[in-house]
Amino acid sequence: MKTYSLIFSVIMWKAFVKAGLYNWTDKQIEDADKS
């Protein structure tokens, strides 16, 4: 059970980082369009 929760948290962490990167990229593109 411990291994399962560890794998689960890693997957969640990766998804969280990926979402953060997408949001950051969108912001950078928006800023570039504004200038």
PDB file of N, CA and C in Angstrom:
ATOM      1  N   MET A   1       0.844  -1.203   0.000  1.00  0.00           N
ATOM      2  CA  MET A   1       0.000   0.000   0.000  1.00  0.00           C
ATOM      3  C   MET A   1       0.879   1.254   0.000  1.00  0.00           C
ATOM      4  N   LYS A   2       1.992   1.194   0.729  1.00  0.00           N
ATOM      5  CA  LYS A   2       2.881   2.354   0.785  1.00  0.00           C
ATOM      6  C   LYS A   2       3.431   2.666  -0.611  1.00  0.00           C
ATOM      7  N   THR A   3       3.820   1.599  -1.335  1.00  0.00           N
ATOM      8  CA  THR A   3       4.367   1.799  -2.673  1.00  0.00           C
ATOM      9  C   THR A   3       3.329   2.452  -3.575  1.00  0.00           C
ATOM     10  N   TYR A   4       2.077   2.002  -3.464  1.00  0.00           N
ATOM     11  CA  TYR A   4       1.011   2.538  -4.305  1.00  0.00           C
ATOM     12  C   TYR A   4       0.827   4.034  -4.071  1.00  0.00           C
ATOM     13  N   SER A   5       0.803   4.443  -2.805  1.00  0.00           N
ATOM     14  CA  SER A   5       0.597   5.858  -2.495  1.00  0.00           C
ATOM     15  C   SER A   5       1.792   6.681  -2.970  1.00  0.00           C
ATOM     16  N   LEU A   6       2.982   6.097  -2.923  1.00  0.00           N
ATOM     17  CA  LEU A   6       4.176   6.805  -3.397  1.00  0.00           C
ATOM     18  C   LEU A   6       4.075   7.045  -4.900  1.00  0.00           C
ATOM     19  N   ILE A   7       3.716   6.003  -5.647  1.00  0.00           N
ATOM     20  CA  ILE A   7       3.552   6.132  -7.097  1.00  0.00           C
ATOM     21  C   ILE A   7       2.468   7.161  -7.403  1.00  0.00           C
ATOM     22  N   PHE A   8       1.374   7.097  -6.643  1.00  0.00           N
ATOM     23  CA  PHE A   8       0.258   8.015  -6.865  1.00  0.00           C
ATOM     24  C   PHE A   8       0.699   9.460  -6.671  1.00  0.00           C
ATOM     25  N   SER A   9       1.447   9.720  -5.595  1.00  0.00           N
ATOM     26  CA  SER A   9       1.888  11.092  -5.320  1.00  0.00           C
ATOM     27  C   SER A   9       2.863  11.569  -6.393  1.00  0.00           C
ATOM     28  N   VAL A  10       3.676  10.673  -6.920  1.00  0.00           N
ATOM     29  CA  VAL A  10       4.609  11.058  -7.990  1.00  0.00           C
ATOM     30  C   VAL A  10       3.826  11.459  -9.235  1.00  0.00           C
ATOM     31  N   ILE A  11       2.796  10.668  -9.569  1.00  0.00           N
ATOM     32  CA  ILE A  11       1.970  10.981 -10.739  1.00  0.00           C
ATOM     33  C   ILE A  11       1.286  12.330 -10.545  1.00  0.00           C
ATOM     34  N   MET A  12       0.731  12.546  -9.351  1.00  0.00           N
ATOM     35  CA  MET A  12       0.049  13.809  -9.067  1.00  0.00           C
ATOM     36  C   MET A  12       1.029  14.968  -9.167  1.00  0.00           C
ATOM     37  N   TRP A  13       2.239  14.781  -8.638  1.00  0.00           N
ATOM     38  CA  TRP A  13       3.254  15.834  -8.662  1.00  0.00           C
ATOM     39  C   TRP A  13       3.631  16.170 -10.103  1.00  0.00           C
ATOM     40  N   LYS A  14       3.807  15.137 -10.926  1.00  0.00           N
ATOM     41  CA  LYS A  14       4.161  15.369 -12.329  1.00  0.00           C
ATOM     42  C   LYS A  14       3.042  16.121 -13.037  1.00  0.00           C
ATOM     43  N   ALA A  15       1.790  15.719 -12.780  1.00  0.00           N
ATOM     44  CA  ALA A  15       0.655  16.393 -13.409  1.00  0.00           C
ATOM     45  C   ALA A  15       0.593  17.850 -12.960  1.00  0.00           C
ATOM     46  N   PHE A  16       0.872  18.087 -11.683  1.00  0.00           N
ATOM     47  CA  PHE A  16       0.846  19.447 -11.132  1.00  0.00           C
ATOM     48  C   PHE A  16       1.918  20.306 -11.788  1.00  0.00           C
ATOM     49  N   VAL A  17       3.120  19.762 -11.907  1.00  0.00           N
ATOM     50  CA  VAL A  17       4.225  20.505 -12.533  1.00  0.00           C
ATOM     51  C   VAL A  17       3.895  20.788 -13.996  1.00  0.00           C
ATOM     52  N   LYS A  18       3.341  19.789 -14.689  1.00  0.00           N
ATOM     53  CA  LYS A  18       3.011  19.956 -16.104  1.00  0.00           C
ATOM     54  C   LYS A  18       1.982  21.066 -16.277  1.00  0.00           C
ATOM     55  N   ALA A  19       0.957  21.063 -15.419  1.00  0.00           N
ATOM     56  CA  ALA A  19      -0.078  22.101 -15.490  1.00  0.00           C
ATOM     57  C   ALA A  19       0.542  23.469 -15.223  1.00  0.00           C
ATOM     58  N   GLY A  20       1.438  23.532 -14.250  1.00  0.00           N
ATOM     59  CA  GLY A  20       2.094  24.798 -13.931  1.00  0.00           C
ATOM     60  C   GLY A  20       2.914  25.299 -15.107  1.00  0.00           C
ATOM     61  N   LEU A  21       3.602  24.387 -15.786  1.00  0.00           N
ATOM     62  CA  LEU A  21       4.417  24.786 -16.936  1.00  0.00           C
ATOM     63  C   LEU A  21       3.522  25.303 -18.055  1.00  0.00           C
ATOM     64  N   TYR A  22       2.388  24.639 -18.300  1.00  0.00           N
ATOM     65  CA  TYR A  22       1.475  25.083 -19.351  1.00  0.00           C
ATOM     66  C   TYR A  22       0.961  26.483 -19.046  1.00  0.00           C
ATOM     67  N   ASN A  23       0.551  26.703 -17.781  1.00  0.00           N
ATOM     68  CA  ASN A  23       0.042  28.017 -17.385  1.00  0.00           C
ATOM     69  C   ASN A  23       1.118  29.075 -17.556  1.00  0.00           C
ATOM     70  N   TRP A  24       2.352  28.757 -17.172  1.00  0.00           N
ATOM     71  CA  TRP A  24       3.460  29.703 -17.267  1.00  0.00           C
ATOM     72  C   TRP A  24       3.725  30.037 -18.735  1.00  0.00           C
ATOM     73  N   THR A  25       3.688  29.007 -19.597  1.00  0.00           N
ATOM     74  CA  THR A  25       3.929  29.236 -21.022  1.00  0.00           C
ATOM     75  C   THR A  25       2.841  30.134 -21.599  1.00  0.00           C
ATOM     76  N   ASP A  26       1.576  29.878 -21.221  1.00  0.00           N
ATOM     77  CA  ASP A  26       0.474  30.707 -21.713  1.00  0.00           C
ATOM     78  C   ASP A  26       0.685  32.154 -21.296  1.00  0.00           C
ATOM     79  N   LYS A  27       1.120  32.370 -20.060  1.00  0.00           N
ATOM     80  CA  LYS A  27       1.362  33.727 -19.565  1.00  0.00           C
ATOM     81  C   LYS A  27       2.462  34.395 -20.376  1.00  0.00           C
ATOM     82  N   GLN A  28       3.530  33.682 -20.651  1.00  0.00           N
ATOM     83  CA  GLN A  28       4.647  34.242 -21.416  1.00  0.00           C
ATOM     84  C   GLN A  28       4.175  34.642 -22.816  1.00  0.00           C
ATOM     85  N   ILE A  29       3.355  33.795 -23.429  1.00  0.00           N
ATOM     86  CA  ILE A  29       2.845  34.084 -24.773  1.00  0.00           C
ATOM     87  C   ILE A  29       1.950  35.319 -24.734  1.00  0.00           C
ATOM     88  N   GLU A  30       1.095  35.403 -23.706  1.00  0.00           N
ATOM     89  CA  GLU A  30       0.208  36.564 -23.574  1.00  0.00           C
ATOM     90  C   GLU A  30       1.027  37.839 -23.432  1.00  0.00           C
ATOM     91  N   ASP A  31       2.054  37.796 -22.585  1.00  0.00           N
ATOM     92  CA  ASP A  31       2.904  38.968 -22.380  1.00  0.00           C
ATOM     93  C   ASP A  31       3.586  39.361 -23.689  1.00  0.00           C
ATOM     94  N   ALA A  32       4.016  38.376 -24.466  1.00  0.00           N
ATOM     95  CA  ALA A  32       4.690  38.661 -25.731  1.00  0.00           C
ATOM     96  C   ALA A  32       3.712  39.319 -26.708  1.00  0.00           C
ATOM     97  N   ASP A  33       2.462  38.861 -26.703  1.00  0.00           N
ATOM     98  CA  ASP A  33       1.461  39.443 -27.599  1.00  0.00           C
ATOM     99  C   ASP A  33       1.175  40.893 -27.222  1.00  0.00           C
ATOM    100  N   LYS A  34       1.169  41.181 -25.922  1.00  0.00           N
ATOM    101  CA  LYS A  34       0.846  42.536 -25.458  1.00  0.00           C
ATOM    102  C   LYS A  34       1.917  43.536 -25.888  1.00  0.00           C
ATOM    103  N   SER A  35       3.189  43.116 -25.853  1.00  0.00           N
ATOM    104  CA  SER A  35       4.271  44.051 -26.149  1.00  0.00           C
ATOM    105  C   SER A  35       4.377  44.351 -27.645  1.00  0.00           C
TER     106      SER A  35
END
